[in-house]
Every structure is written in structure tokens, then in C-alpha cells.
N, C-alpha and C. Protein backbone atom coordinates (compact mmCIF):
# COMPACT_ATOMS: atom_id res chain seq x y z
N MET A 1 139.03 127.17 2.40
CA MET A 1 138.10 126.22 1.83
C MET A 1 137.22 126.90 0.79
N ARG A 2 136.68 126.10 -0.11
CA ARG A 2 135.69 126.59 -1.05
C ARG A 2 134.32 126.25 -0.49
N LEU A 3 133.50 127.27 -0.25
CA LEU A 3 132.21 127.10 0.41
C LEU A 3 131.08 127.51 -0.51
N LEU A 4 129.94 126.84 -0.34
CA LEU A 4 128.72 127.24 -1.02
C LEU A 4 127.71 127.68 0.02
N SER A 5 127.24 128.91 -0.09
CA SER A 5 126.23 129.44 0.82
C SER A 5 124.89 129.48 0.08
N ILE A 6 123.91 128.71 0.56
CA ILE A 6 122.57 128.71 -0.04
C ILE A 6 121.67 129.49 0.91
N GLU A 7 121.46 130.75 0.58
CA GLU A 7 120.78 131.70 1.48
C GLU A 7 120.03 132.73 0.64
N ASP A 8 118.72 132.87 0.85
CA ASP A 8 117.93 133.77 0.03
C ASP A 8 117.79 135.17 0.60
N GLU A 9 118.05 135.36 1.89
CA GLU A 9 117.91 136.68 2.51
C GLU A 9 119.15 137.52 2.15
N PRO A 10 118.99 138.62 1.40
CA PRO A 10 120.13 139.36 0.85
C PRO A 10 121.14 139.82 1.91
N LYS A 11 120.66 140.36 3.03
CA LYS A 11 121.58 140.88 4.04
C LYS A 11 122.39 139.75 4.67
N THR A 12 121.72 138.64 4.97
CA THR A 12 122.43 137.50 5.56
C THR A 12 123.43 136.93 4.57
N ALA A 13 123.02 136.81 3.30
CA ALA A 13 123.91 136.28 2.27
C ALA A 13 125.15 137.15 2.13
N ALA A 14 124.96 138.48 2.13
CA ALA A 14 126.09 139.41 2.00
C ALA A 14 126.99 139.34 3.24
N TYR A 15 126.37 139.21 4.42
CA TYR A 15 127.12 139.11 5.68
C TYR A 15 127.99 137.86 5.69
N LEU A 16 127.42 136.74 5.29
CA LEU A 16 128.18 135.49 5.24
C LEU A 16 129.31 135.58 4.22
N HIS A 17 128.99 136.10 3.04
CA HIS A 17 130.01 136.19 1.98
C HIS A 17 131.17 137.07 2.42
N LYS A 18 130.87 138.23 2.97
CA LYS A 18 131.92 139.16 3.39
C LYS A 18 132.77 138.57 4.52
N GLY A 19 132.10 138.05 5.55
CA GLY A 19 132.85 137.53 6.69
C GLY A 19 133.70 136.33 6.35
N LEU A 20 133.16 135.40 5.60
CA LEU A 20 133.91 134.18 5.25
C LEU A 20 135.04 134.49 4.28
N THR A 21 134.78 135.41 3.34
CA THR A 21 135.84 135.80 2.40
C THR A 21 137.00 136.48 3.13
N GLU A 22 136.66 137.33 4.09
CA GLU A 22 137.70 138.01 4.87
C GLU A 22 138.57 137.03 5.66
N HIS A 23 138.02 135.86 5.95
CA HIS A 23 138.78 134.84 6.68
C HIS A 23 139.44 133.83 5.73
N GLY A 24 139.54 134.19 4.46
CA GLY A 24 140.33 133.41 3.53
C GLY A 24 139.61 132.33 2.75
N HIS A 25 138.28 132.24 2.91
CA HIS A 25 137.53 131.23 2.18
C HIS A 25 137.05 131.77 0.83
N VAL A 26 136.84 130.87 -0.11
CA VAL A 26 136.23 131.21 -1.39
C VAL A 26 134.76 130.85 -1.29
N VAL A 27 133.87 131.81 -1.54
CA VAL A 27 132.44 131.61 -1.28
C VAL A 27 131.62 131.86 -2.52
N ASP A 28 130.81 130.86 -2.91
CA ASP A 28 129.79 131.03 -3.93
C ASP A 28 128.44 131.12 -3.21
N THR A 29 127.53 131.91 -3.77
CA THR A 29 126.23 132.10 -3.13
C THR A 29 125.10 131.74 -4.09
N ALA A 30 124.14 130.96 -3.58
CA ALA A 30 122.92 130.65 -4.32
C ALA A 30 121.75 131.25 -3.56
N ARG A 31 120.78 131.82 -4.29
CA ARG A 31 119.69 132.54 -3.64
C ARG A 31 118.39 131.73 -3.55
N ASP A 32 118.39 130.49 -4.04
CA ASP A 32 117.22 129.63 -3.87
C ASP A 32 117.67 128.17 -3.89
N GLY A 33 116.75 127.28 -3.50
CA GLY A 33 117.11 125.88 -3.36
C GLY A 33 117.47 125.20 -4.66
N VAL A 34 116.80 125.58 -5.77
CA VAL A 34 117.07 124.95 -7.05
C VAL A 34 118.48 125.30 -7.53
N GLU A 35 118.82 126.59 -7.47
CA GLU A 35 120.17 127.01 -7.87
C GLU A 35 121.21 126.40 -6.94
N GLY A 36 120.90 126.37 -5.65
CA GLY A 36 121.84 125.80 -4.69
C GLY A 36 122.12 124.33 -4.94
N LEU A 37 121.09 123.58 -5.22
CA LEU A 37 121.26 122.15 -5.49
C LEU A 37 122.06 121.94 -6.77
N HIS A 38 121.79 122.78 -7.78
CA HIS A 38 122.54 122.68 -9.03
C HIS A 38 124.03 122.94 -8.80
N LEU A 39 124.35 124.02 -8.08
CA LEU A 39 125.76 124.34 -7.83
C LEU A 39 126.41 123.26 -6.97
N ALA A 40 125.70 122.78 -5.97
CA ALA A 40 126.27 121.79 -5.06
C ALA A 40 126.60 120.49 -5.75
N THR A 41 125.79 120.12 -6.74
CA THR A 41 126.00 118.82 -7.41
C THR A 41 126.85 118.93 -8.66
N SER A 42 127.06 120.15 -9.15
CA SER A 42 127.86 120.30 -10.37
C SER A 42 129.26 120.82 -10.10
N GLY A 43 129.49 121.35 -8.90
CA GLY A 43 130.81 121.86 -8.55
C GLY A 43 131.40 121.08 -7.39
N HIS A 44 132.63 121.45 -7.01
CA HIS A 44 133.27 120.80 -5.86
C HIS A 44 133.39 121.82 -4.73
N TYR A 45 132.80 121.47 -3.58
CA TYR A 45 132.85 122.35 -2.40
C TYR A 45 133.33 121.55 -1.20
N ASP A 46 134.05 122.24 -0.33
CA ASP A 46 134.51 121.61 0.91
C ASP A 46 133.41 121.57 1.96
N LEU A 47 132.45 122.51 1.88
CA LEU A 47 131.38 122.58 2.86
C LEU A 47 130.25 123.43 2.29
N ILE A 48 129.01 123.06 2.62
CA ILE A 48 127.83 123.78 2.15
C ILE A 48 127.08 124.37 3.34
N LEU A 49 126.81 125.68 3.30
CA LEU A 49 126.00 126.36 4.30
C LEU A 49 124.57 126.43 3.76
N LEU A 50 123.62 125.90 4.50
CA LEU A 50 122.28 125.73 3.98
C LEU A 50 121.22 126.35 4.89
N ASP A 51 120.44 127.29 4.33
CA ASP A 51 119.27 127.80 5.03
C ASP A 51 118.11 126.83 4.79
N MET A 52 117.10 126.85 5.66
CA MET A 52 115.97 125.95 5.50
C MET A 52 114.81 126.59 4.74
N ALA A 53 114.56 127.88 4.99
CA ALA A 53 113.44 128.58 4.36
C ALA A 53 113.89 129.17 3.04
N LEU A 54 113.82 128.36 1.97
CA LEU A 54 114.30 128.79 0.66
C LEU A 54 113.18 128.72 -0.37
N PRO A 55 113.19 129.65 -1.33
CA PRO A 55 112.24 129.53 -2.45
C PRO A 55 112.71 128.46 -3.43
N GLY A 56 111.81 128.02 -4.27
CA GLY A 56 112.17 127.02 -5.29
C GLY A 56 112.13 125.62 -4.73
N ALA A 57 113.05 125.33 -3.87
CA ALA A 57 113.09 124.05 -3.13
C ALA A 57 113.58 124.38 -1.73
N ASP A 58 112.84 123.94 -0.71
CA ASP A 58 113.26 124.32 0.65
C ASP A 58 114.49 123.52 1.08
N GLY A 59 115.04 123.92 2.23
CA GLY A 59 116.26 123.31 2.71
C GLY A 59 116.14 121.82 2.98
N TRP A 60 114.95 121.39 3.41
CA TRP A 60 114.76 119.96 3.66
C TRP A 60 114.90 119.16 2.37
N GLN A 61 114.31 119.67 1.28
CA GLN A 61 114.43 119.00 -0.01
C GLN A 61 115.87 118.97 -0.49
N VAL A 62 116.55 120.11 -0.36
CA VAL A 62 117.95 120.19 -0.80
C VAL A 62 118.81 119.21 -0.02
N LEU A 63 118.60 119.17 1.30
CA LEU A 63 119.40 118.29 2.14
C LEU A 63 119.17 116.82 1.78
N ARG A 64 117.90 116.45 1.57
CA ARG A 64 117.60 115.06 1.19
C ARG A 64 118.27 114.69 -0.14
N GLU A 65 118.17 115.61 -1.11
CA GLU A 65 118.78 115.36 -2.42
C GLU A 65 120.30 115.22 -2.32
N LEU A 66 120.91 116.12 -1.55
CA LEU A 66 122.36 116.08 -1.40
C LEU A 66 122.81 114.78 -0.76
N ARG A 67 122.11 114.36 0.29
CA ARG A 67 122.53 113.15 0.99
C ARG A 67 122.28 111.89 0.15
N GLY A 68 121.44 112.00 -0.85
CA GLY A 68 121.25 110.88 -1.76
C GLY A 68 122.33 110.79 -2.82
N ARG A 69 123.14 111.85 -2.94
CA ARG A 69 124.14 111.90 -4.01
C ARG A 69 125.59 112.01 -3.52
N GLN A 70 125.82 112.67 -2.39
CA GLN A 70 127.19 112.97 -1.99
C GLN A 70 127.31 113.11 -0.48
N ARG A 71 128.57 113.17 -0.02
CA ARG A 71 128.84 113.29 1.42
C ARG A 71 129.50 114.62 1.78
N THR A 72 129.41 115.63 0.91
CA THR A 72 129.96 116.94 1.24
C THR A 72 129.35 117.43 2.55
N PRO A 73 130.16 117.88 3.51
CA PRO A 73 129.60 118.37 4.77
C PRO A 73 128.57 119.49 4.55
N VAL A 74 127.45 119.37 5.24
CA VAL A 74 126.38 120.37 5.14
C VAL A 74 126.16 120.98 6.52
N PHE A 75 126.27 122.30 6.58
CA PHE A 75 126.10 123.04 7.83
C PHE A 75 124.82 123.87 7.69
N VAL A 76 123.79 123.50 8.43
CA VAL A 76 122.53 124.24 8.38
C VAL A 76 122.65 125.51 9.23
N VAL A 77 122.30 126.65 8.63
CA VAL A 77 122.24 127.93 9.33
C VAL A 77 120.83 128.46 9.09
N SER A 78 119.97 128.36 10.10
CA SER A 78 118.55 128.59 9.87
C SER A 78 117.90 129.37 11.01
N GLY A 79 116.84 130.09 10.68
CA GLY A 79 116.04 130.75 11.69
C GLY A 79 115.07 129.80 12.37
N ARG A 80 114.96 128.59 11.85
CA ARG A 80 114.08 127.59 12.44
C ARG A 80 114.84 126.89 13.55
N GLY A 81 114.58 127.32 14.79
CA GLY A 81 115.39 126.85 15.91
C GLY A 81 114.69 125.92 16.87
N GLU A 82 113.49 125.45 16.53
CA GLU A 82 112.80 124.53 17.43
C GLU A 82 113.56 123.20 17.49
N LEU A 83 113.41 122.53 18.63
CA LEU A 83 114.12 121.27 18.82
C LEU A 83 113.83 120.29 17.70
N GLU A 84 112.55 120.19 17.30
CA GLU A 84 112.21 119.22 16.25
C GLU A 84 112.85 119.57 14.92
N ASP A 85 113.05 120.86 14.64
CA ASP A 85 113.74 121.27 13.42
C ASP A 85 115.20 120.87 13.45
N ARG A 86 115.86 121.11 14.60
CA ARG A 86 117.28 120.75 14.71
C ARG A 86 117.47 119.24 14.62
N VAL A 87 116.61 118.50 15.29
CA VAL A 87 116.71 117.05 15.25
C VAL A 87 116.46 116.53 13.84
N ARG A 88 115.44 117.09 13.17
CA ARG A 88 115.13 116.67 11.81
C ARG A 88 116.31 116.92 10.88
N GLY A 89 116.92 118.10 11.00
CA GLY A 89 118.06 118.43 10.15
C GLY A 89 119.21 117.45 10.33
N LEU A 90 119.52 117.14 11.58
CA LEU A 90 120.62 116.22 11.86
C LEU A 90 120.28 114.81 11.40
N GLN A 91 119.02 114.41 11.56
CA GLN A 91 118.62 113.07 11.12
C GLN A 91 118.66 112.94 9.60
N LEU A 92 118.41 114.04 8.89
CA LEU A 92 118.47 114.01 7.43
C LEU A 92 119.90 114.04 6.91
N GLY A 93 120.87 114.24 7.81
CA GLY A 93 122.26 114.16 7.39
C GLY A 93 123.07 115.41 7.51
N ALA A 94 122.52 116.47 8.11
CA ALA A 94 123.32 117.68 8.33
C ALA A 94 124.44 117.38 9.32
N ASP A 95 125.59 117.99 9.10
CA ASP A 95 126.74 117.77 9.99
C ASP A 95 126.71 118.68 11.20
N ASP A 96 125.99 119.80 11.11
CA ASP A 96 125.82 120.70 12.25
C ASP A 96 124.62 121.58 11.95
N TYR A 97 124.11 122.23 12.99
CA TYR A 97 122.89 123.04 12.86
C TYR A 97 123.05 124.25 13.77
N LEU A 98 123.09 125.43 13.19
CA LEU A 98 123.24 126.67 13.95
C LEU A 98 122.02 127.55 13.72
N VAL A 99 121.45 128.08 14.81
CA VAL A 99 120.22 128.87 14.73
C VAL A 99 120.55 130.36 14.63
N LYS A 100 119.87 131.03 13.73
CA LYS A 100 119.99 132.49 13.62
C LYS A 100 119.18 133.15 14.74
N PRO A 101 119.61 134.32 15.22
CA PRO A 101 120.88 134.99 14.91
C PRO A 101 122.04 134.29 15.61
N PHE A 102 123.24 134.46 15.08
CA PHE A 102 124.40 133.75 15.61
C PHE A 102 125.59 134.69 15.70
N ALA A 103 126.55 134.31 16.52
CA ALA A 103 127.82 135.05 16.60
C ALA A 103 128.74 134.51 15.50
N PHE A 104 129.34 135.42 14.74
CA PHE A 104 130.15 134.98 13.61
C PHE A 104 131.35 134.15 14.07
N ALA A 105 131.91 134.48 15.23
CA ALA A 105 133.05 133.72 15.75
C ALA A 105 132.65 132.26 15.99
N GLU A 106 131.43 132.06 16.47
CA GLU A 106 130.97 130.69 16.69
C GLU A 106 130.77 129.98 15.36
N LEU A 107 130.20 130.67 14.39
CA LEU A 107 130.02 130.07 13.06
C LEU A 107 131.35 129.61 12.50
N LEU A 108 132.37 130.46 12.58
CA LEU A 108 133.69 130.09 12.06
C LEU A 108 134.24 128.87 12.78
N ALA A 109 134.14 128.88 14.10
CA ALA A 109 134.69 127.77 14.88
C ALA A 109 133.99 126.46 14.54
N ARG A 110 132.68 126.52 14.37
CA ARG A 110 131.93 125.30 14.09
C ARG A 110 132.15 124.82 12.66
N ILE A 111 132.33 125.74 11.72
CA ILE A 111 132.70 125.35 10.36
C ILE A 111 134.03 124.61 10.37
N GLN A 112 134.99 125.14 11.12
CA GLN A 112 136.30 124.49 11.21
C GLN A 112 136.19 123.11 11.83
N ALA A 113 135.33 122.98 12.85
CA ALA A 113 135.15 121.69 13.51
C ALA A 113 134.54 120.67 12.55
N VAL A 114 133.54 121.08 11.78
CA VAL A 114 132.92 120.18 10.80
C VAL A 114 133.93 119.77 9.74
N ALA A 115 134.73 120.74 9.27
CA ALA A 115 135.73 120.43 8.24
C ALA A 115 136.77 119.45 8.76
N ARG A 116 137.19 119.62 10.03
CA ARG A 116 138.19 118.70 10.59
C ARG A 116 137.62 117.29 10.70
N ARG A 117 136.37 117.17 11.12
CA ARG A 117 135.76 115.84 11.23
C ARG A 117 135.68 115.17 9.87
N ALA A 118 135.46 115.97 8.83
CA ALA A 118 135.30 115.40 7.49
C ALA A 118 136.59 114.80 6.96
N VAL A 119 137.73 115.34 7.40
CA VAL A 119 139.01 114.85 6.88
C VAL A 119 139.78 114.05 7.91
N GLN A 120 139.19 113.81 9.08
CA GLN A 120 139.89 113.09 10.13
C GLN A 120 140.16 111.65 9.70
N PRO A 121 141.40 111.16 9.77
CA PRO A 121 141.70 109.79 9.38
C PRO A 121 141.04 108.80 10.32
N ALA A 122 140.71 107.63 9.76
CA ALA A 122 140.01 106.61 10.54
C ALA A 122 140.86 106.09 11.68
N ALA A 123 142.16 105.95 11.44
CA ALA A 123 143.04 105.39 12.47
C ALA A 123 144.02 106.46 12.92
N ALA A 124 143.59 107.33 13.80
CA ALA A 124 144.45 108.40 14.30
C ALA A 124 145.17 107.92 15.56
N ASP A 125 146.33 108.54 15.82
CA ASP A 125 147.09 108.22 17.02
C ASP A 125 146.23 108.57 18.23
N PRO A 126 145.94 107.61 19.11
CA PRO A 126 145.06 107.90 20.25
C PRO A 126 145.71 108.80 21.30
N VAL A 127 147.04 108.99 21.21
CA VAL A 127 147.75 109.81 22.19
C VAL A 127 148.01 111.19 21.60
N VAL A 128 147.48 112.22 22.27
CA VAL A 128 147.72 113.61 21.86
C VAL A 128 148.71 114.21 22.83
N ARG A 129 149.73 114.88 22.30
CA ARG A 129 150.77 115.50 23.14
C ARG A 129 150.78 117.00 22.92
N VAL A 130 150.68 117.73 24.02
CA VAL A 130 150.75 119.19 23.99
C VAL A 130 151.73 119.59 25.07
N ALA A 131 152.92 120.08 24.65
CA ALA A 131 154.01 120.34 25.60
C ALA A 131 154.28 119.07 26.40
N ASP A 132 154.19 119.13 27.73
CA ASP A 132 154.45 117.94 28.54
C ASP A 132 153.17 117.22 28.96
N LEU A 133 152.06 117.56 28.30
CA LEU A 133 150.78 116.90 28.57
C LEU A 133 150.55 115.79 27.55
N GLU A 134 150.13 114.62 28.03
CA GLU A 134 149.76 113.50 27.16
C GLU A 134 148.33 113.08 27.48
N VAL A 135 147.51 112.97 26.45
CA VAL A 135 146.13 112.52 26.62
C VAL A 135 145.95 111.26 25.78
N ASP A 136 145.78 110.13 26.44
CA ASP A 136 145.63 108.84 25.77
C ASP A 136 144.15 108.48 25.77
N ALA A 137 143.49 108.70 24.61
CA ALA A 137 142.05 108.46 24.51
C ALA A 137 141.71 106.98 24.63
N ALA A 138 142.58 106.11 24.09
CA ALA A 138 142.30 104.67 24.12
C ALA A 138 142.32 104.12 25.54
N ARG A 139 143.31 104.53 26.32
CA ARG A 139 143.43 104.05 27.70
C ARG A 139 142.73 104.95 28.70
N ARG A 140 142.24 106.09 28.23
CA ARG A 140 141.57 107.07 29.09
C ARG A 140 142.47 107.48 30.26
N VAL A 141 143.70 107.83 29.88
CA VAL A 141 144.71 108.24 30.85
C VAL A 141 145.31 109.56 30.38
N ALA A 142 145.53 110.48 31.31
CA ALA A 142 146.20 111.74 31.02
C ALA A 142 147.38 111.91 31.97
N ARG A 143 148.50 112.38 31.42
CA ARG A 143 149.71 112.63 32.23
C ARG A 143 150.25 114.00 31.90
N ARG A 144 150.82 114.62 32.90
CA ARG A 144 151.53 115.89 32.67
C ARG A 144 152.84 115.84 33.41
N GLY A 145 153.92 116.13 32.69
CA GLY A 145 155.26 116.04 33.28
C GLY A 145 155.57 114.64 33.75
N GLY A 146 155.00 113.64 33.07
CA GLY A 146 155.22 112.25 33.44
C GLY A 146 154.36 111.76 34.59
N ARG A 147 153.59 112.64 35.18
CA ARG A 147 152.77 112.28 36.33
C ARG A 147 151.31 112.10 35.91
N ARG A 148 150.72 111.01 36.33
CA ARG A 148 149.33 110.74 35.97
C ARG A 148 148.40 111.71 36.67
N LEU A 149 147.44 112.25 35.91
CA LEU A 149 146.46 113.17 36.45
C LEU A 149 145.23 112.39 36.90
N VAL A 150 144.75 112.67 38.09
CA VAL A 150 143.56 112.01 38.61
C VAL A 150 142.35 112.84 38.21
N LEU A 151 141.62 112.36 37.19
CA LEU A 151 140.49 113.10 36.63
C LEU A 151 139.20 112.30 36.77
N THR A 152 138.11 113.02 36.95
CA THR A 152 136.80 112.37 36.92
C THR A 152 136.48 112.03 35.46
N ALA A 153 135.43 111.25 35.25
CA ALA A 153 135.04 110.87 33.89
C ALA A 153 134.71 112.11 33.05
N LYS A 154 133.99 113.08 33.63
CA LYS A 154 133.64 114.29 32.91
C LYS A 154 134.86 115.15 32.62
N GLU A 155 135.77 115.22 33.59
CA GLU A 155 136.98 116.01 33.39
C GLU A 155 137.82 115.42 32.26
N PHE A 156 137.93 114.09 32.23
CA PHE A 156 138.70 113.48 31.15
C PHE A 156 138.00 113.69 29.81
N ALA A 157 136.67 113.57 29.79
CA ALA A 157 135.93 113.78 28.54
C ALA A 157 136.15 115.19 28.01
N LEU A 158 136.16 116.17 28.90
CA LEU A 158 136.39 117.55 28.51
C LEU A 158 137.81 117.74 27.99
N LEU A 159 138.79 117.20 28.71
CA LEU A 159 140.18 117.33 28.28
C LEU A 159 140.41 116.62 26.95
N GLU A 160 139.84 115.43 26.81
CA GLU A 160 140.02 114.67 25.57
C GLU A 160 139.39 115.39 24.39
N TYR A 161 138.23 116.02 24.61
CA TYR A 161 137.57 116.75 23.54
C TYR A 161 138.39 117.97 23.12
N LEU A 162 138.92 118.70 24.08
CA LEU A 162 139.79 119.84 23.76
C LEU A 162 141.06 119.37 23.04
N SER A 163 141.59 118.22 23.45
CA SER A 163 142.84 117.74 22.87
C SER A 163 142.66 117.31 21.42
N ARG A 164 141.45 116.92 21.03
CA ARG A 164 141.21 116.54 19.64
C ARG A 164 141.18 117.76 18.72
N GLN A 165 141.16 118.96 19.31
CA GLN A 165 141.11 120.18 18.52
C GLN A 165 142.20 121.15 19.00
N VAL A 166 143.39 120.63 19.19
CA VAL A 166 144.50 121.44 19.71
C VAL A 166 144.70 122.67 18.84
N GLY A 167 144.81 123.82 19.51
CA GLY A 167 145.07 125.06 18.80
C GLY A 167 143.83 125.70 18.19
N GLN A 168 142.67 125.05 18.34
CA GLN A 168 141.44 125.58 17.78
C GLN A 168 140.49 126.02 18.90
N ALA A 169 139.88 127.17 18.72
CA ALA A 169 138.90 127.64 19.70
C ALA A 169 137.67 126.73 19.66
N VAL A 170 137.31 126.19 20.81
CA VAL A 170 136.16 125.29 20.90
C VAL A 170 135.02 126.04 21.60
N PRO A 171 133.92 126.30 20.91
CA PRO A 171 132.81 127.05 21.52
C PRO A 171 132.18 126.29 22.68
N ARG A 172 131.63 127.03 23.63
CA ARG A 172 130.94 126.42 24.76
C ARG A 172 129.77 125.55 24.30
N THR A 173 129.12 125.97 23.21
CA THR A 173 127.99 125.19 22.72
C THR A 173 128.40 123.78 22.34
N LEU A 174 129.54 123.65 21.65
CA LEU A 174 130.00 122.33 21.24
C LEU A 174 130.46 121.51 22.44
N ILE A 175 131.10 122.17 23.41
CA ILE A 175 131.52 121.45 24.62
C ILE A 175 130.29 120.89 25.32
N ALA A 176 129.24 121.71 25.42
CA ALA A 176 128.02 121.25 26.09
C ALA A 176 127.41 120.07 25.37
N GLU A 177 127.37 120.13 24.05
CA GLU A 177 126.75 119.07 23.27
C GLU A 177 127.55 117.77 23.32
N HIS A 178 128.88 117.88 23.24
CA HIS A 178 129.71 116.68 23.16
C HIS A 178 130.00 116.06 24.53
N CYS A 179 130.18 116.89 25.54
CA CYS A 179 130.59 116.38 26.85
C CYS A 179 129.44 116.22 27.83
N TRP A 180 128.37 117.00 27.63
CA TRP A 180 127.23 116.93 28.55
C TRP A 180 125.95 116.48 27.87
N ASP A 181 126.00 116.34 26.54
CA ASP A 181 124.83 115.92 25.77
C ASP A 181 123.63 116.81 26.08
N MET A 182 123.89 118.14 26.07
CA MET A 182 122.81 119.07 26.35
C MET A 182 122.93 120.28 25.45
N HIS A 183 121.79 120.97 25.25
CA HIS A 183 121.79 122.20 24.48
C HIS A 183 122.27 123.32 25.40
N PHE A 184 123.26 124.08 24.97
CA PHE A 184 123.88 125.09 25.82
C PHE A 184 122.92 126.21 26.16
N ASP A 185 122.85 126.53 27.42
CA ASP A 185 122.04 127.64 27.92
C ASP A 185 123.00 128.70 28.44
N SER A 186 122.95 129.90 27.87
CA SER A 186 123.91 130.95 28.25
C SER A 186 123.77 131.37 29.70
N ASP A 187 122.65 130.99 30.33
CA ASP A 187 122.46 131.38 31.72
C ASP A 187 123.12 130.42 32.71
N THR A 188 123.65 129.33 32.23
CA THR A 188 124.29 128.38 33.12
C THR A 188 125.80 128.47 32.99
N ASN A 189 126.50 128.25 34.10
CA ASN A 189 127.97 128.35 34.07
C ASN A 189 128.60 126.97 34.25
N VAL A 190 127.87 125.91 33.91
CA VAL A 190 128.39 124.56 34.12
C VAL A 190 129.69 124.34 33.36
N ILE A 191 129.80 124.88 32.15
CA ILE A 191 131.01 124.69 31.36
C ILE A 191 132.20 125.40 32.01
N ASP A 192 131.98 126.64 32.43
CA ASP A 192 133.07 127.41 33.05
C ASP A 192 133.53 126.77 34.36
N VAL A 193 132.59 126.26 35.14
CA VAL A 193 132.95 125.59 36.39
C VAL A 193 133.76 124.33 36.09
N ALA A 194 133.34 123.57 35.09
CA ALA A 194 134.07 122.35 34.73
C ALA A 194 135.48 122.66 34.25
N VAL A 195 135.62 123.70 33.46
CA VAL A 195 136.95 124.08 32.97
C VAL A 195 137.83 124.54 34.13
N ARG A 196 137.24 125.28 35.06
CA ARG A 196 138.01 125.75 36.22
C ARG A 196 138.53 124.57 37.04
N ARG A 197 137.71 123.55 37.21
CA ARG A 197 138.14 122.36 37.96
C ARG A 197 139.22 121.59 37.19
N LEU A 198 139.06 121.53 35.88
CA LEU A 198 140.08 120.85 35.07
C LEU A 198 141.40 121.59 35.11
N ARG A 199 141.36 122.91 35.05
CA ARG A 199 142.58 123.72 35.13
C ARG A 199 143.32 123.50 36.45
N ALA A 200 142.55 123.29 37.51
CA ALA A 200 143.16 123.09 38.83
C ALA A 200 144.07 121.87 38.82
N LYS A 201 143.77 120.90 37.96
CA LYS A 201 144.58 119.68 37.90
C LYS A 201 145.60 119.70 36.76
N VAL A 202 145.21 120.30 35.64
CA VAL A 202 146.07 120.28 34.46
C VAL A 202 147.06 121.44 34.45
N ASP A 203 146.64 122.61 34.93
CA ASP A 203 147.46 123.82 34.78
C ASP A 203 148.04 124.37 36.09
N ASP A 204 147.22 124.41 37.14
CA ASP A 204 147.63 125.11 38.35
C ASP A 204 148.96 124.62 38.94
N PRO A 205 149.24 123.31 38.94
CA PRO A 205 150.51 122.86 39.53
C PRO A 205 151.73 123.11 38.64
N PHE A 206 151.52 123.67 37.43
CA PHE A 206 152.61 123.81 36.47
C PHE A 206 152.77 125.27 36.03
N GLU A 207 153.98 125.60 35.64
CA GLU A 207 154.27 126.97 35.24
C GLU A 207 153.59 127.32 33.92
N ASP A 208 153.70 126.42 32.93
CA ASP A 208 153.11 126.67 31.62
C ASP A 208 151.62 126.32 31.64
N LYS A 209 150.79 127.27 31.26
CA LYS A 209 149.34 127.03 31.22
C LYS A 209 148.95 126.61 29.81
N LEU A 210 148.10 125.60 29.72
CA LEU A 210 147.74 125.04 28.42
C LEU A 210 146.28 125.28 28.04
N ILE A 211 145.41 125.49 29.01
CA ILE A 211 143.99 125.72 28.73
C ILE A 211 143.73 127.23 28.80
N HIS A 212 143.33 127.81 27.68
CA HIS A 212 143.16 129.26 27.59
C HIS A 212 141.73 129.61 27.23
N THR A 213 141.28 130.74 27.74
CA THR A 213 139.95 131.25 27.45
C THR A 213 139.98 132.11 26.20
N ILE A 214 139.05 131.85 25.29
CA ILE A 214 138.85 132.71 24.12
C ILE A 214 137.58 133.50 24.40
N ARG A 215 137.75 134.77 24.75
CA ARG A 215 136.63 135.58 25.21
C ARG A 215 135.51 135.63 24.17
N GLY A 216 134.31 135.36 24.64
CA GLY A 216 133.15 135.41 23.77
C GLY A 216 132.92 134.16 22.93
N VAL A 217 133.84 133.19 23.02
CA VAL A 217 133.71 131.98 22.21
C VAL A 217 133.73 130.73 23.08
N GLY A 218 134.88 130.47 23.71
CA GLY A 218 135.01 129.24 24.50
C GLY A 218 136.43 129.06 25.00
N TYR A 219 137.02 127.89 24.69
CA TYR A 219 138.33 127.57 25.23
C TYR A 219 139.20 126.91 24.16
N VAL A 220 140.51 126.97 24.39
CA VAL A 220 141.45 126.33 23.48
C VAL A 220 142.55 125.66 24.30
N LEU A 221 142.97 124.49 23.87
CA LEU A 221 144.10 123.79 24.48
C LEU A 221 145.28 123.97 23.56
N GLU A 222 146.32 124.65 24.05
CA GLU A 222 147.52 124.86 23.23
C GLU A 222 148.68 125.32 24.10
N HIS A 223 149.89 125.10 23.58
CA HIS A 223 151.09 125.55 24.28
C HIS A 223 151.51 126.89 23.69
N ARG A 224 151.49 127.93 24.50
CA ARG A 224 151.88 129.26 24.05
C ARG A 224 153.28 129.58 24.57
N THR A 225 154.15 129.89 23.66
CA THR A 225 155.56 130.13 24.04
C THR A 225 155.80 131.58 24.46
N ALA A 226 154.86 132.46 24.14
CA ALA A 226 155.06 133.86 24.51
C ALA A 226 153.81 134.39 25.18
């Protein structure tokens, strides 16, 4: 993807540019809000990374201006981590909000998630198939090997969320937000317990395992042949 990073802190800007470039993205960097807004509105970007504490024009101003002109996905990466800041950013139209300091693996995963949502077709096939697993979001039914799986509402929500991102690492933070409507606390193991219970029904009775742990990030639903 072609990304625009609007970040005034030199070390953070260099860190983002190096890491994202190494992962195959093309990255332009703006060091203040005025330059960032100019680049964002005069060029074509797949996603914009936006800090909030910027000289010239702060992130709130930039975000308001962008949302008045275009729908390019905006991913806020900010040191302002209070609940009211995160809520304000999302209400102004940000597609995601990540608080500094952050793990780069999580940043990558969440960028990919935002990009997928931006291009997701309006009328997608409600049935996702992974090996012999079928997840029917419309009917809220899951089957494996032709046999219906007896899942609780939360277990189905978790499986359905993973199935919408087949082959992609899904961070625990996003699972917590989407399936539990809560801000993830690293001291709680609610996500790991839920995944363990889901595996007992989806994977344990079968030879091929489909739910895999991505150490330090979260989980992925995929069929691995080797």
C-alpha cells in the first residue's frame, strides 16, 4: 500500500518509515499538520497514519478537514491515550486508534484490518469455508466435517470474527473490542480462555487444527498443509 505518515517526532517517524517500508509499503512522511493535510489532499494514499500532537495544525484539525473532503482510511497513532481522546478520534472519523508506545506487529495487523474493511464488498458471501469448516454468518451456524458445531453466542462471535480475516493474524486487542466490546487489559486472560474453549469444539475432535496462536500478537484461522 501507499501510506502517508503524519508524525513530527523524528525517531518515531523514522521507526514507522523503516518498519513499514521493510514490509513492502511505500511511505511518505509529513512532519507537521499543514504539510500532512496538503499531501493527503493532493496525493492518493491507501491509508493515513496520523499523530494528534502536531505543529502547524494538530491532529484533530487534520482529521476534521480530511473527513470533510475524503474517505481515505485514517489510523490515529498517538501518545494521547485517555478514553476521551480515543472516543473523540473515532467520533471524528478515525478508522482505528492506537496508543503509543505500541508493538509494531500489532500496528501492522491493525493497518491490514483497516485496509481490508475499506475494500470489503457490500454484498459478501456470508459463508466462509476453511478446509472442512463452514461459518455461515447469516444463519449463525458453523459446521465442521458436515457436522454442526454447538457454540455459545460468544464462541460463534469469536469464530465468525476470525473467519472474516482468514489467514491474517488478529490481535487480542481487536478481538476484545469486537467480540467483548471492551478495552483489552493485558492482565486478563479472557481472550485466551475463550479461544481455548472454542478450540475444544472446532479443533480438538479433528486431526487438522485451524486456530493457531501467533505469539505476541493474537490468533489466526487458517488451514496449514505443513
